[in-house]
Amino acid sequence: MTQQEIDQLFNANVLEIDKLNTASGSMIIALIQGIESNGPAYIRLSGAVNEGHRVNYEHISGDASLVSRVGGSLGLIITDNSIETRHA
């Protein structure tokens, strides 16, 4: 990915994260940081519901297994195309 593509992806992901419940958004940020700290790997977020706890994702590049490995260590519920935070 070019730096311009990475920047566009980052900006689009921020818009989705901003829709989520504050605590859920923070957990998704931690997931993205954890994925990126293990090498160049990127996901695209979509379909976040305002004040919600769930967002869809698409693997863009890098090691796809990082989503479930890092997400699992954070206690997130990961499916093939969605990420959900635990909430009461």
C-alpha atoms as a PDB file:
ATOM      1  CA  MET A   1       0.000   0.000   0.000  1.00  0.00           C
ATOM      2  CA  THR A   2       1.180   3.502  -0.722  1.00  0.00           C
ATOM      3  CA  GLN A   3       1.345   6.074   2.045  1.00  0.00           C
ATOM      4  CA  GLN A   4      -1.611   7.883   0.457  1.00  0.00           C
ATOM      5  CA  GLU A   5      -3.692   4.671   0.536  1.00  0.00           C
ATOM      6  CA  ILE A   6      -2.717   4.078   4.171  1.00  0.00           C
ATOM      7  CA  ASP A   7      -3.714   7.646   5.077  1.00  0.00           C
ATOM      8  CA  GLN A   8      -7.075   7.284   3.307  1.00  0.00           C
ATOM      9  CA  LEU A   9      -7.723   3.983   5.057  1.00  0.00           C
ATOM     10  CA  PHE A  10      -6.812   5.524   8.416  1.00  0.00           C
ATOM     11  CA  ASN A  11      -9.209   8.445   7.875  1.00  0.00           C
ATOM     12  CA  ALA A  12     -12.054   6.139   6.815  1.00  0.00           C
ATOM     13  CA  ASN A  13     -11.466   3.886   9.841  1.00  0.00           C
ATOM     14  CA  VAL A  14     -11.494   6.891  12.200  1.00  0.00           C
ATOM     15  CA  LEU A  15     -14.936   7.867  10.883  1.00  0.00           C
ATOM     16  CA  GLU A  16     -16.240   4.370  11.694  1.00  0.00           C
ATOM     17  CA  ILE A  17     -14.584   4.279  15.127  1.00  0.00           C
ATOM     18  CA  ASP A  18     -16.093   7.664  15.991  1.00  0.00           C
ATOM     19  CA  LYS A  19     -19.584   6.187  15.531  1.00  0.00           C
ATOM     20  CA  LEU A  20     -19.029   3.510  18.180  1.00  0.00           C
ATOM     21  CA  ASN A  21     -19.593   3.637  21.917  1.00  0.00           C
ATOM     22  CA  THR A  22     -16.522   5.364  23.396  1.00  0.00           C
ATOM     23  CA  ALA A  23     -15.214   2.278  25.207  1.00  0.00           C
ATOM     24  CA  SER A  24     -15.814   0.074  22.160  1.00  0.00           C
ATOM     25  CA  GLY A  25     -14.027   2.551  19.918  1.00  0.00           C
ATOM     26  CA  SER A  26     -11.043   2.504  22.251  1.00  0.00           C
ATOM     27  CA  MET A  27     -10.881  -1.286  22.057  1.00  0.00           C
ATOM     28  CA  ILE A  28     -11.003  -1.207  18.258  1.00  0.00           C
ATOM     29  CA  ILE A  29      -8.166   1.349  18.251  1.00  0.00           C
ATOM     30  CA  ALA A  30      -6.136  -1.003  20.480  1.00  0.00           C
ATOM     31  CA  LEU A  31      -6.836  -3.829  18.019  1.00  0.00           C
ATOM     32  CA  ILE A  32      -5.658  -1.793  15.027  1.00  0.00           C
ATOM     33  CA  GLN A  33      -2.525  -0.681  16.883  1.00  0.00           C
ATOM     34  CA  GLY A  34      -1.796  -4.283  17.876  1.00  0.00           C
ATOM     35  CA  ILE A  35      -2.220  -5.499  14.311  1.00  0.00           C
ATOM     36  CA  GLU A  36       0.005  -2.781  12.878  1.00  0.00           C
ATOM     37  CA  SER A  37       2.713  -3.303  15.529  1.00  0.00           C
ATOM     38  CA  ASN A  38       3.178  -6.861  14.246  1.00  0.00           C
ATOM     39  CA  GLY A  39       4.135  -5.731  10.756  1.00  0.00           C
ATOM     40  CA  PRO A  40       2.380  -3.914   7.984  1.00  0.00           C
ATOM     41  CA  ALA A  41      -1.165  -5.262   8.207  1.00  0.00           C
ATOM     42  CA  TYR A  42      -4.364  -3.350   7.589  1.00  0.00           C
ATOM     43  CA  ILE A  43      -8.130  -3.751   7.930  1.00  0.00           C
ATOM     44  CA  ARG A  44     -10.968  -1.571   6.637  1.00  0.00           C
ATOM     45  CA  LEU A  45     -13.834  -0.883   9.038  1.00  0.00           C
ATOM     46  CA  SER A  46     -17.435  -0.345   7.916  1.00  0.00           C
ATOM     47  CA  GLY A  47     -21.012  -0.512   9.134  1.00  0.00           C
ATOM     48  CA  ALA A  48     -20.510   0.809  12.654  1.00  0.00           C
ATOM     49  CA  VAL A  49     -23.754   1.748  14.405  1.00  0.00           C
ATOM     50  CA  ASN A  50     -23.912   4.990  16.375  1.00  0.00           C
ATOM     51  CA  GLU A  51     -23.049   4.277  20.022  1.00  0.00           C
ATOM     52  CA  GLY A  52     -22.814   0.596  19.114  1.00  0.00           C
ATOM     53  CA  HIS A  53     -20.413  -2.183  20.074  1.00  0.00           C
ATOM     54  CA  ARG A  54     -19.934  -3.863  16.686  1.00  0.00           C
ATOM     55  CA  VAL A  55     -18.228  -2.980  13.413  1.00  0.00           C
ATOM     56  CA  ASN A  56     -17.635  -4.905  10.216  1.00  0.00           C
ATOM     57  CA  TYR A  57     -14.140  -5.309   8.856  1.00  0.00           C
ATOM     58  CA  GLU A  58     -12.362  -6.379   5.707  1.00  0.00           C
ATOM     59  CA  HIS A  59      -8.772  -7.618   5.675  1.00  0.00           C
ATOM     60  CA  ILE A  60      -6.788  -5.422   3.286  1.00  0.00           C
ATOM     61  CA  SER A  61      -3.188  -6.591   3.568  1.00  0.00           C
ATOM     62  CA  GLY A  62      -0.695  -8.357   5.809  1.00  0.00           C
ATOM     63  CA  ASP A  63      -1.201 -11.344   8.087  1.00  0.00           C
ATOM     64  CA  ALA A  64      -4.976 -11.934   8.319  1.00  0.00           C
ATOM     65  CA  SER A  65      -4.568 -14.168  11.395  1.00  0.00           C
ATOM     66  CA  LEU A  66      -3.487 -11.127  13.420  1.00  0.00           C
ATOM     67  CA  VAL A  67      -7.098  -9.931  13.637  1.00  0.00           C
ATOM     68  CA  SER A  68      -8.242 -12.999  15.567  1.00  0.00           C
ATOM     69  CA  ARG A  69      -5.005 -13.384  17.545  1.00  0.00           C
ATOM     70  CA  VAL A  70      -4.761  -9.765  18.698  1.00  0.00           C
ATOM     71  CA  GLY A  71      -8.539  -9.401  18.990  1.00  0.00           C
ATOM     72  CA  GLY A  72      -8.780 -12.537  21.106  1.00  0.00           C
ATOM     73  CA  SER A  73      -6.090 -11.299  23.451  1.00  0.00           C
ATOM     74  CA  LEU A  74      -8.119  -8.101  23.913  1.00  0.00           C
ATOM     75  CA  GLY A  75     -11.283 -10.068  24.649  1.00  0.00           C
ATOM     76  CA  LEU A  76     -13.013  -9.043  21.432  1.00  0.00           C
ATOM     77  CA  ILE A  77     -15.496 -11.266  19.630  1.00  0.00           C
ATOM     78  CA  ILE A  78     -14.135 -11.782  16.108  1.00  0.00           C
ATOM     79  CA  THR A  79     -16.043 -13.425  13.255  1.00  0.00           C
ATOM     80  CA  ASP A  80     -15.106 -13.680   9.587  1.00  0.00           C
ATOM     81  CA  ASN A  81     -16.272 -10.124   8.947  1.00  0.00           C
ATOM     82  CA  SER A  82     -17.138  -8.411  12.232  1.00  0.00           C
ATOM     83  CA  ILE A  83     -15.589  -7.276  15.491  1.00  0.00           C
ATOM     84  CA  GLU A  84     -17.677  -6.896  18.633  1.00  0.00           C
ATOM     85  CA  THR A  85     -16.753  -5.699  22.087  1.00  0.00           C
ATOM     86  CA  ARG A  86     -18.179  -7.303  25.194  1.00  0.00           C
ATOM     87  CA  HIS A  87     -20.694  -5.071  26.924  1.00  0.00           C
ATOM     88  CA  ALA A  88     -23.288  -5.258  29.682  1.00  0.00           C
END
